[in-house]
Amino acid sequence: MTTLFRRKAVAVAFAALALTLAGGGIAVAQPAAQAPAEVVQPAARQPGSGSQPAVTPAEARKAKAALAQGPSAQATAPGTVASAVVTNGGTVLRGSPEVVSATRYGPGEYQVLFNYNVSLKAFHATIGTTDPYNVPPGGEVSVAPRLQTPNAVFVQTRNSSGSVADRPFHLVVAN
């Protein structure tokens, strides 16, 4: 019985060594100078390319000021939500008190700024109407945490054929 365990231990040791060497070989084969795509933004960015616009120093100051203002303790309690209704021009029509502002960067690209850290929250957006009783335009919407801004959400809208287009949207952040 002990011989069986010794043989298994030797086999497991060789398997672990082989996996370690194979993993190291893959890591060595990758270029070391290449930075992750999430950190470095391309110099010439096309709207709708999947990358976000760079954060300007003025936007960074505005985001820090919004964080300093902070929400009420009840507003960010687990199970609560923050919401915003934003026009296709990037104006907040209505929303919860935690919404500070919305910014339109270009065709179909928006940032919604909050007064608390939303980077680890769940985001949900939908193309929505800004007028009561009207049907919203067709299209698609994508949301992501805003690059280098923990209290903002990046929203990208497209028309039904997938081309970048300005669309009004409704955004919900679940706490």
Protein backbone atom coordinates (compact mmCIF):
# COMPACT_ATOMS: atom_id res chain seq x y z
CA MET A 1 0.00 0.00 0.00
CA THR A 2 2.80 2.42 0.83
CA THR A 3 4.42 1.70 -2.53
CA LEU A 4 1.20 2.76 -4.27
CA PHE A 5 1.15 6.06 -2.35
CA ARG A 6 4.84 6.72 -3.13
CA ARG A 7 4.24 6.14 -6.83
CA LYS A 8 1.24 8.50 -6.79
CA ALA A 9 3.24 11.14 -4.93
CA VAL A 10 6.05 10.94 -7.51
CA ALA A 11 3.51 11.15 -10.37
CA VAL A 12 1.81 14.15 -8.80
CA ALA A 13 5.16 15.89 -8.24
CA PHE A 14 6.15 15.38 -11.90
CA ALA A 15 2.74 16.60 -13.08
CA ALA A 16 3.02 19.74 -10.95
CA LEU A 17 6.54 20.37 -12.26
CA ALA A 18 5.39 19.92 -15.87
CA LEU A 19 2.46 22.32 -15.41
CA THR A 20 4.71 24.89 -13.76
CA LEU A 21 7.24 24.73 -16.59
CA ALA A 22 4.52 24.87 -19.24
CA GLY A 23 2.92 27.91 -17.59
CA GLY A 24 6.30 29.64 -17.32
CA GLY A 25 7.00 28.96 -20.99
CA ILE A 26 3.74 30.62 -21.99
CA ALA A 27 4.49 33.66 -19.84
CA VAL A 28 7.98 34.00 -21.36
CA ALA A 29 6.56 33.82 -24.88
CA GLN A 30 4.39 36.91 -24.29
CA PRO A 31 5.91 40.34 -24.94
CA ALA A 32 6.96 41.86 -21.62
CA ALA A 33 6.61 45.50 -22.70
CA GLN A 34 2.92 45.28 -23.61
CA ALA A 35 0.62 46.95 -21.06
CA PRO A 36 -2.95 45.77 -20.40
CA ALA A 37 -5.58 47.35 -22.67
CA GLU A 38 -7.55 48.59 -19.63
CA VAL A 39 -4.68 50.82 -18.53
CA VAL A 40 -3.43 52.33 -21.78
CA GLN A 41 -5.83 54.12 -24.10
CA PRO A 42 -5.01 54.34 -27.80
CA ALA A 43 -3.85 57.73 -29.07
CA ALA A 44 -6.41 57.94 -31.89
CA ARG A 45 -9.64 56.60 -30.42
CA GLN A 46 -12.69 56.05 -32.56
CA PRO A 47 -16.12 56.50 -30.93
CA GLY A 48 -17.75 53.12 -30.47
CA SER A 49 -14.41 51.29 -30.60
CA GLY A 50 -14.91 49.74 -27.18
CA SER A 51 -12.42 52.04 -25.46
CA GLN A 52 -13.29 54.97 -23.24
CA PRO A 53 -12.22 58.59 -23.62
CA ALA A 54 -9.32 59.62 -21.40
CA VAL A 55 -10.17 61.34 -18.13
CA THR A 56 -9.19 65.01 -18.20
CA PRO A 57 -7.75 66.74 -15.12
CA ALA A 58 -10.95 68.84 -14.85
CA GLU A 59 -13.10 65.68 -14.83
CA ALA A 60 -10.85 64.10 -12.19
CA ARG A 61 -11.26 67.19 -9.96
CA LYS A 62 -15.04 67.13 -10.45
CA ALA A 63 -15.17 63.41 -9.55
CA LYS A 64 -13.10 63.97 -6.38
CA ALA A 65 -15.33 66.87 -5.35
CA ALA A 66 -18.43 64.68 -5.85
CA LEU A 67 -16.90 61.93 -3.71
CA ALA A 68 -16.10 64.46 -0.98
CA GLN A 69 -19.75 65.56 -0.91
CA GLY A 70 -20.80 61.92 -0.33
CA PRO A 71 -24.29 60.37 -0.13
CA SER A 72 -26.46 59.70 2.86
CA ALA A 73 -25.79 56.42 4.67
CA GLN A 74 -29.25 55.15 3.75
CA ALA A 75 -28.75 55.89 0.04
CA THR A 76 -25.95 53.36 -0.34
CA ALA A 77 -27.27 50.66 1.99
CA PRO A 78 -27.34 47.14 0.55
CA GLY A 79 -30.51 46.55 -1.43
CA THR A 80 -30.97 50.18 -2.48
CA VAL A 81 -30.52 51.56 -5.99
CA ALA A 82 -29.37 54.79 -7.58
CA SER A 83 -30.94 55.70 -10.90
CA ALA A 84 -30.67 58.26 -13.68
CA VAL A 85 -32.70 59.10 -16.78
CA VAL A 86 -30.39 60.74 -19.32
CA THR A 87 -31.28 62.41 -22.63
CA ASN A 88 -29.49 61.66 -25.89
CA GLY A 89 -27.68 64.98 -25.39
CA GLY A 90 -26.23 63.91 -22.03
CA THR A 91 -28.53 65.81 -19.66
CA VAL A 92 -29.88 64.19 -16.49
CA LEU A 93 -33.66 64.62 -16.58
CA ARG A 94 -34.39 62.90 -13.31
CA GLY A 95 -32.76 60.48 -10.94
CA SER A 96 -31.85 59.70 -7.38
CA PRO A 97 -30.05 62.30 -5.23
CA GLU A 98 -26.76 60.40 -5.58
CA VAL A 99 -26.50 61.32 -9.29
CA VAL A 100 -24.25 64.37 -9.68
CA SER A 101 -24.15 64.82 -13.46
CA ALA A 102 -24.00 63.26 -16.91
CA THR A 103 -21.53 64.11 -19.67
CA ARG A 104 -21.77 63.34 -23.38
CA TYR A 105 -18.31 62.75 -24.90
CA GLY A 106 -19.27 62.10 -28.48
CA PRO A 107 -21.74 60.08 -30.51
CA GLY A 108 -23.25 57.51 -28.17
CA GLU A 109 -20.69 57.97 -25.36
CA TYR A 110 -21.70 59.16 -21.89
CA GLN A 111 -20.48 59.30 -18.32
CA VAL A 112 -22.83 59.38 -15.34
CA LEU A 113 -21.17 60.70 -12.16
CA PHE A 114 -22.30 59.73 -8.64
CA ASN A 115 -21.35 61.06 -5.21
CA TYR A 116 -20.15 57.65 -3.97
CA ASN A 117 -17.91 54.82 -5.17
CA VAL A 118 -19.82 52.63 -7.63
CA SER A 119 -16.86 50.66 -9.00
CA LEU A 120 -17.89 47.38 -7.34
CA LYS A 121 -21.64 47.78 -7.84
CA ALA A 122 -23.92 46.21 -10.44
CA PHE A 123 -24.94 48.44 -13.37
CA HIS A 124 -27.93 48.05 -15.65
CA ALA A 125 -28.96 50.37 -18.47
CA THR A 126 -31.65 50.29 -21.09
CA ILE A 127 -32.54 52.51 -24.01
CA GLY A 128 -35.39 54.53 -22.61
CA THR A 129 -37.68 57.36 -23.42
CA THR A 130 -37.38 60.74 -21.79
CA ASP A 131 -41.01 61.65 -22.52
CA PRO A 132 -43.94 60.11 -20.68
CA TYR A 133 -46.06 57.62 -22.64
CA ASN A 134 -43.74 57.45 -25.66
CA VAL A 135 -41.92 54.40 -27.00
CA PRO A 136 -38.11 54.72 -26.90
CA PRO A 137 -36.06 54.50 -30.10
CA GLY A 138 -34.60 51.11 -30.99
CA GLY A 139 -31.03 50.43 -30.10
CA GLU A 140 -28.46 48.87 -27.83
CA VAL A 141 -26.70 50.06 -24.69
CA SER A 142 -23.53 48.94 -22.88
CA VAL A 143 -22.28 49.94 -19.43
CA ALA A 144 -18.91 49.68 -17.71
CA PRO A 145 -17.07 51.19 -14.77
CA ARG A 146 -15.54 54.52 -15.84
CA LEU A 147 -11.81 54.43 -16.45
CA GLN A 148 -9.87 55.88 -13.48
CA THR A 149 -13.07 57.28 -11.91
CA PRO A 150 -14.49 55.08 -9.13
CA ASN A 151 -17.68 57.12 -8.80
CA ALA A 152 -18.74 57.08 -12.45
CA VAL A 153 -20.27 54.73 -15.01
CA PHE A 154 -19.44 54.78 -18.73
CA VAL A 155 -22.43 54.22 -21.04
CA GLN A 156 -22.27 53.58 -24.78
CA THR A 157 -25.37 53.58 -27.01
CA ARG A 158 -25.91 52.29 -30.54
CA ASN A 159 -28.77 52.10 -33.03
CA SER A 160 -30.44 48.81 -33.99
CA SER A 161 -27.90 48.12 -36.73
CA GLY A 162 -25.02 48.39 -34.25
CA SER A 163 -23.67 51.79 -35.31
CA VAL A 164 -22.75 54.32 -32.63
CA ALA A 165 -25.73 56.65 -32.09
CA ASP A 166 -27.02 59.02 -29.46
CA ARG A 167 -29.87 57.39 -27.53
CA PRO A 168 -31.63 58.37 -24.30
CA PHE A 169 -31.15 55.79 -21.57
CA HIS A 170 -32.15 54.80 -18.05
CA LEU A 171 -29.34 53.68 -15.72
CA VAL A 172 -29.65 51.78 -12.42
CA VAL A 173 -26.80 51.09 -9.99
CA ALA A 174 -27.61 48.35 -7.47
CA ASN A 175 -25.96 48.71 -4.09
